[in-house]
PDB file of all heavy atoms in Angstrom:
ATOM      1  N   SER A   1      20.825 -31.772  37.430  1.00  0.00           N
ATOM      2  CA  SER A   1      19.982 -31.810  36.240  1.00  0.00           C
ATOM      3  C   SER A   1      20.511 -30.821  35.212  1.00  0.00           C
ATOM      4  O   SER A   1      20.879 -29.702  35.540  1.00  0.00           O
ATOM      5  CB  SER A   1      18.532 -31.481  36.602  1.00  0.00           C
ATOM      6  OG  SER A   1      18.448 -30.163  37.098  1.00  0.00           O
ATOM      7  N   ALA A   2      20.556 -31.245  33.991  1.00  0.00           N
ATOM      8  CA  ALA A   2      21.058 -30.395  32.919  1.00  0.00           C
ATOM      9  C   ALA A   2      20.015 -29.340  32.597  1.00  0.00           C
ATOM     10  O   ALA A   2      18.858 -29.653  32.384  1.00  0.00           O
ATOM     11  CB  ALA A   2      21.364 -31.238  31.691  1.00  0.00           C
ATOM     12  N   GLN A   3      20.446 -28.097  32.595  1.00  0.00           N
ATOM     13  CA  GLN A   3      19.551 -27.000  32.264  1.00  0.00           C
ATOM     14  C   GLN A   3      19.862 -26.504  30.870  1.00  0.00           C
ATOM     15  O   GLN A   3      21.020 -26.392  30.489  1.00  0.00           O
ATOM     16  CB  GLN A   3      19.711 -25.848  33.243  1.00  0.00           C
ATOM     17  CG  GLN A   3      19.188 -26.135  34.607  1.00  0.00           C
ATOM     18  CD  GLN A   3      19.330 -24.915  35.499  1.00  0.00           C
ATOM     19  OE1 GLN A   3      20.032 -23.966  35.179  1.00  0.00           O
ATOM     20  NE2 GLN A   3      18.659 -24.949  36.626  1.00  0.00           N
ATOM     21  N   ALA A   4      18.815 -26.198  30.151  1.00  0.00           N
ATOM     22  CA  ALA A   4      18.981 -25.640  28.820  1.00  0.00           C
ATOM     23  C   ALA A   4      19.406 -24.175  28.936  1.00  0.00           C
ATOM     24  O   ALA A   4      19.152 -23.510  29.937  1.00  0.00           O
ATOM     25  CB  ALA A   4      17.676 -25.748  28.042  1.00  0.00           C
ATOM     26  N   ASP A   5      20.055 -23.690  27.905  1.00  0.00           N
ATOM     27  CA  ASP A   5      20.492 -22.302  27.834  1.00  0.00           C
ATOM     28  C   ASP A   5      19.401 -21.474  27.166  1.00  0.00           C
ATOM     29  O   ASP A   5      19.125 -21.635  25.983  1.00  0.00           O
ATOM     30  CB  ASP A   5      21.792 -22.228  27.030  1.00  0.00           C
ATOM     31  CG  ASP A   5      22.303 -20.809  26.874  1.00  0.00           C
ATOM     32  OD1 ASP A   5      21.866 -19.917  27.634  1.00  0.00           O
ATOM     33  OD2 ASP A   5      23.134 -20.582  25.979  1.00  0.00           O
ATOM     34  N   PHE A   6      18.778 -20.593  27.931  1.00  0.00           N
ATOM     35  CA  PHE A   6      17.726 -19.723  27.410  1.00  0.00           C
ATOM     36  C   PHE A   6      18.226 -18.305  27.163  1.00  0.00           C
ATOM     37  O   PHE A   6      17.514 -17.492  26.597  1.00  0.00           O
ATOM     38  CB  PHE A   6      16.546 -19.682  28.391  1.00  0.00           C
ATOM     39  CG  PHE A   6      15.736 -20.940  28.408  1.00  0.00           C
ATOM     40  CD1 PHE A   6      16.091 -21.995  29.229  1.00  0.00           C
ATOM     41  CD2 PHE A   6      14.626 -21.088  27.596  1.00  0.00           C
ATOM     42  CE1 PHE A   6      15.348 -23.166  29.252  1.00  0.00           C
ATOM     43  CE2 PHE A   6      13.886 -22.248  27.610  1.00  0.00           C
ATOM     44  CZ  PHE A   6      14.240 -23.287  28.437  1.00  0.00           C
ATOM     45  N   ALA A   7      19.438 -17.989  27.595  1.00  0.00           N
ATOM     46  CA  ALA A   7      19.960 -16.631  27.479  1.00  0.00           C
ATOM     47  C   ALA A   7      20.127 -16.244  26.014  1.00  0.00           C
ATOM     48  O   ALA A   7      20.519 -17.053  25.187  1.00  0.00           O
ATOM     49  CB  ALA A   7      21.298 -16.518  28.204  1.00  0.00           C
ATOM     50  N   GLY A   8      19.801 -14.988  25.728  1.00  0.00           N
ATOM     51  CA  GLY A   8      19.981 -14.473  24.374  1.00  0.00           C
ATOM     52  C   GLY A   8      18.716 -13.821  23.857  1.00  0.00           C
ATOM     53  O   GLY A   8      17.760 -13.584  24.598  1.00  0.00           O
ATOM     54  N   THR A   9      18.741 -13.541  22.574  1.00  0.00           N
ATOM     55  CA  THR A   9      17.611 -12.894  21.915  1.00  0.00           C
ATOM     56  C   THR A   9      16.956 -13.886  20.973  1.00  0.00           C
ATOM     57  O   THR A   9      17.640 -14.536  20.166  1.00  0.00           O
ATOM     58  CB  THR A   9      18.085 -11.640  21.146  1.00  0.00           C
ATOM     59  OG1 THR A   9      18.694 -10.742  22.088  1.00  0.00           O
ATOM     60  CG2 THR A   9      16.937 -10.939  20.464  1.00  0.00           C
ATOM     61  N   TRP A  10      15.646 -14.002  21.079  1.00  0.00           N
ATOM     62  CA  TRP A  10      14.840 -14.952  20.311  1.00  0.00           C
ATOM     63  C   TRP A  10      13.744 -14.173  19.595  1.00  0.00           C
ATOM     64  O   TRP A  10      13.180 -13.233  20.150  1.00  0.00           O
ATOM     65  CB  TRP A  10      14.194 -15.963  21.258  1.00  0.00           C
ATOM     66  CG  TRP A  10      15.166 -16.674  22.131  1.00  0.00           C
ATOM     67  CD1 TRP A  10      15.668 -16.243  23.337  1.00  0.00           C
ATOM     68  CD2 TRP A  10      15.771 -17.938  21.896  1.00  0.00           C
ATOM     69  NE1 TRP A  10      16.539 -17.164  23.848  1.00  0.00           N
ATOM     70  CE2 TRP A  10      16.613 -18.221  22.988  1.00  0.00           C
ATOM     71  CE3 TRP A  10      15.668 -18.874  20.868  1.00  0.00           C
ATOM     72  CZ2 TRP A  10      17.356 -19.388  23.074  1.00  0.00           C
ATOM     73  CZ3 TRP A  10      16.397 -20.036  20.958  1.00  0.00           C
ATOM     74  CH2 TRP A  10      17.228 -20.290  22.045  1.00  0.00           C
ATOM     75  N   SER A  11      13.427 -14.562  18.346  1.00  0.00           N
ATOM     76  CA  SER A  11      12.430 -13.774  17.616  1.00  0.00           C
ATOM     77  C   SER A  11      11.675 -14.599  16.582  1.00  0.00           C
ATOM     78  O   SER A  11      12.107 -15.683  16.179  1.00  0.00           O
ATOM     79  CB  SER A  11      13.114 -12.592  16.917  1.00  0.00           C
ATOM     80  OG  SER A  11      14.038 -13.062  15.957  1.00  0.00           O
ATOM     81  N   VAL A  12      10.549 -14.039  16.189  1.00  0.00           N
ATOM     82  CA  VAL A  12       9.755 -14.566  15.087  1.00  0.00           C
ATOM     83  C   VAL A  12       9.265 -13.357  14.283  1.00  0.00           C
ATOM     84  O   VAL A  12       9.008 -12.287  14.854  1.00  0.00           O
ATOM     85  CB  VAL A  12       8.562 -15.424  15.588  1.00  0.00           C
ATOM     86  CG1 VAL A  12       7.590 -14.604  16.416  1.00  0.00           C
ATOM     87  CG2 VAL A  12       7.851 -16.108  14.430  1.00  0.00           C
ATOM     88  N   GLU A  13       9.175 -13.523  12.980  1.00  0.00           N
ATOM     89  CA  GLU A  13       8.738 -12.446  12.106  1.00  0.00           C
ATOM     90  C   GLU A  13       7.325 -12.746  11.619  1.00  0.00           C
ATOM     91  O   GLU A  13       7.017 -13.889  11.275  1.00  0.00           O
ATOM     92  CB  GLU A  13       9.703 -12.335  10.915  1.00  0.00           C
ATOM     93  CG  GLU A  13       9.489 -11.114  10.075  1.00  0.00           C
ATOM     94  CD  GLU A  13      10.560 -10.994   9.005  1.00  0.00           C
ATOM     95  OE1 GLU A  13      10.655 -11.897   8.145  1.00  0.00           O
ATOM     96  OE2 GLU A  13      11.304  -9.998   9.034  1.00  0.00           O
ATOM     97  N   TRP A  14       6.462 -11.718  11.613  1.00  0.00           N
ATOM     98  CA  TRP A  14       5.097 -11.845  11.119  1.00  0.00           C
ATOM     99  C   TRP A  14       4.948 -10.949   9.895  1.00  0.00           C
ATOM    100  O   TRP A  14       5.066  -9.732   9.983  1.00  0.00           O
ATOM    101  CB  TRP A  14       4.088 -11.412  12.175  1.00  0.00           C
ATOM    102  CG  TRP A  14       4.127 -12.211  13.443  1.00  0.00           C
ATOM    103  CD1 TRP A  14       4.374 -13.540  13.581  1.00  0.00           C
ATOM    104  CD2 TRP A  14       3.893 -11.716  14.764  1.00  0.00           C
ATOM    105  NE1 TRP A  14       4.298 -13.910  14.895  1.00  0.00           N
ATOM    106  CE2 TRP A  14       4.008 -12.814  15.651  1.00  0.00           C
ATOM    107  CE3 TRP A  14       3.595 -10.461  15.300  1.00  0.00           C
ATOM    108  CZ2 TRP A  14       3.820 -12.691  17.031  1.00  0.00           C
ATOM    109  CZ3 TRP A  14       3.414 -10.345  16.674  1.00  0.00           C
ATOM    110  CH2 TRP A  14       3.522 -11.447  17.513  1.00  0.00           C
ATOM    111  N   CYS A  15       4.688 -11.561   8.746  1.00  0.00           N
ATOM    112  CA  CYS A  15       4.518 -10.806   7.500  1.00  0.00           C
ATOM    113  C   CYS A  15       3.135 -11.096   6.912  1.00  0.00           C
ATOM    114  O   CYS A  15       2.551 -12.150   7.157  1.00  0.00           O
ATOM    115  CB  CYS A  15       5.597 -11.192   6.490  1.00  0.00           C
ATOM    116  SG  CYS A  15       7.271 -10.845   7.060  1.00  0.00           S
ATOM    117  N   SER A  16       2.643 -10.191   6.103  1.00  0.00           N
ATOM    118  CA  SER A  16       1.345 -10.360   5.464  1.00  0.00           C
ATOM    119  C   SER A  16       1.502 -11.208   4.199  1.00  0.00           C
ATOM    120  O   SER A  16       2.279 -10.860   3.308  1.00  0.00           O
ATOM    121  CB  SER A  16       0.754  -9.002   5.093  1.00  0.00           C
ATOM    122  OG  SER A  16      -0.416  -9.176   4.319  1.00  0.00           O
ATOM    123  N   LYS A  17       0.764 -12.305   4.143  1.00  0.00           N
ATOM    124  CA  LYS A  17       0.778 -13.131   2.929  1.00  0.00           C
ATOM    125  C   LYS A  17      -0.034 -12.467   1.823  1.00  0.00           C
ATOM    126  O   LYS A  17       0.262 -12.620   0.648  1.00  0.00           O
ATOM    127  CB  LYS A  17       0.215 -14.519   3.235  1.00  0.00           C
ATOM    128  CG  LYS A  17       1.088 -15.306   4.180  1.00  0.00           C
ATOM    129  CD  LYS A  17       0.473 -16.645   4.519  1.00  0.00           C
ATOM    130  CE  LYS A  17       1.360 -17.351   5.528  1.00  0.00           C
ATOM    131  NZ  LYS A  17       0.751 -18.539   6.079  1.00  0.00           N
ATOM    132  N   ASN A  18      -1.061 -11.708   2.215  1.00  0.00           N
ATOM    133  CA  ASN A  18      -1.925 -11.047   1.239  1.00  0.00           C
ATOM    134  C   ASN A  18      -1.306  -9.794   0.653  1.00  0.00           C
ATOM    135  O   ASN A  18      -1.620  -9.410  -0.471  1.00  0.00           O
ATOM    136  CB  ASN A  18      -3.277 -10.700   1.866  1.00  0.00           C
ATOM    137  CG  ASN A  18      -4.019 -11.933   2.310  1.00  0.00           C
ATOM    138  OD1 ASN A  18      -3.845 -13.016   1.749  1.00  0.00           O
ATOM    139  ND2 ASN A  18      -4.851 -11.778   3.334  1.00  0.00           N
ATOM    140  N   ASN A  19      -0.461  -9.128   1.425  1.00  0.00           N
ATOM    141  CA  ASN A  19       0.161  -7.901   0.957  1.00  0.00           C
ATOM    142  C   ASN A  19       1.630  -7.877   1.390  1.00  0.00           C
ATOM    143  O   ASN A  19       1.982  -7.243   2.387  1.00  0.00           O
ATOM    144  CB  ASN A  19      -0.592  -6.674   1.491  1.00  0.00           C
ATOM    145  CG  ASN A  19      -0.148  -5.397   0.818  1.00  0.00           C
ATOM    146  OD1 ASN A  19       0.865  -5.356   0.116  1.00  0.00           O
ATOM    147  ND2 ASN A  19      -0.895  -4.324   1.041  1.00  0.00           N
ATOM    148  N   PRO A  20       2.494  -8.549   0.615  1.00  0.00           N
ATOM    149  CA  PRO A  20       3.906  -8.638   1.004  1.00  0.00           C
ATOM    150  C   PRO A  20       4.644  -7.303   0.979  1.00  0.00           C
ATOM    151  O   PRO A  20       5.779  -7.223   1.453  1.00  0.00           O
ATOM    152  CB  PRO A  20       4.495  -9.616  -0.011  1.00  0.00           C
ATOM    153  CG  PRO A  20       3.524  -9.723  -1.115  1.00  0.00           C
ATOM    154  CD  PRO A  20       2.192  -9.288  -0.600  1.00  0.00           C
ATOM    155  N   ASN A  21       4.031  -6.236   0.444  1.00  0.00           N
ATOM    156  CA  ASN A  21       4.677  -4.924   0.436  1.00  0.00           C
ATOM    157  C   ASN A  21       4.626  -4.241   1.800  1.00  0.00           C
ATOM    158  O   ASN A  21       5.347  -3.278   2.032  1.00  0.00           O
ATOM    159  CB  ASN A  21       4.025  -4.017  -0.610  1.00  0.00           C
ATOM    160  CG  ASN A  21       4.293  -4.527  -2.014  1.00  0.00           C
ATOM    161  OD1 ASN A  21       5.340  -5.121  -2.282  1.00  0.00           O
ATOM    162  ND2 ASN A  21       3.342  -4.326  -2.907  1.00  0.00           N
ATOM    163  N   LEU A  22       3.762  -4.734   2.697  1.00  0.00           N
ATOM    164  CA  LEU A  22       3.679  -4.145   4.030  1.00  0.00           C
ATOM    165  C   LEU A  22       4.908  -4.535   4.851  1.00  0.00           C
ATOM    166  O   LEU A  22       5.456  -5.616   4.683  1.00  0.00           O
ATOM    167  CB  LEU A  22       2.417  -4.632   4.748  1.00  0.00           C
ATOM    168  CG  LEU A  22       1.076  -4.215   4.146  1.00  0.00           C
ATOM    169  CD1 LEU A  22      -0.070  -4.849   4.926  1.00  0.00           C
ATOM    170  CD2 LEU A  22       0.949  -2.690   4.145  1.00  0.00           C
ATOM    171  N   ASP A  23       5.304  -3.650   5.753  1.00  0.00           N
ATOM    172  CA  ASP A  23       6.403  -3.970   6.669  1.00  0.00           C
ATOM    173  C   ASP A  23       6.002  -5.149   7.542  1.00  0.00           C
ATOM    174  O   ASP A  23       4.856  -5.240   7.995  1.00  0.00           O
ATOM    175  CB  ASP A  23       6.725  -2.777   7.575  1.00  0.00           C
ATOM    176  CG  ASP A  23       7.382  -1.638   6.817  1.00  0.00           C
ATOM    177  OD1 ASP A  23       8.041  -1.904   5.797  1.00  0.00           O
ATOM    178  OD2 ASP A  23       7.226  -0.477   7.256  1.00  0.00           O
ATOM    179  N   CYS A  24       6.941  -6.040   7.767  1.00  0.00           N
ATOM    180  CA  CYS A  24       6.684  -7.178   8.647  1.00  0.00           C
ATOM    181  C   CYS A  24       6.685  -6.709  10.093  1.00  0.00           C
ATOM    182  O   CYS A  24       7.370  -5.765  10.462  1.00  0.00           O
ATOM    183  CB  CYS A  24       7.753  -8.255   8.470  1.00  0.00           C
ATOM    184  SG  CYS A  24       7.691  -9.061   6.857  1.00  0.00           S
ATOM    185  N   GLY A  25       5.918  -7.398  10.891  1.00  0.00           N
ATOM    186  CA  GLY A  25       5.940  -7.201  12.330  1.00  0.00           C
ATOM    187  C   GLY A  25       6.687  -8.367  12.941  1.00  0.00           C
ATOM    188  O   GLY A  25       7.354  -9.127  12.245  1.00  0.00           O
TER     189      GLY A  25
END
């Protein structure tokens, strides 16, 4: 069975829509 490659670094950025001057998480 073919396995997907999950190795590596994966991310999502969370930013404030109401206050874009804040640092994103």
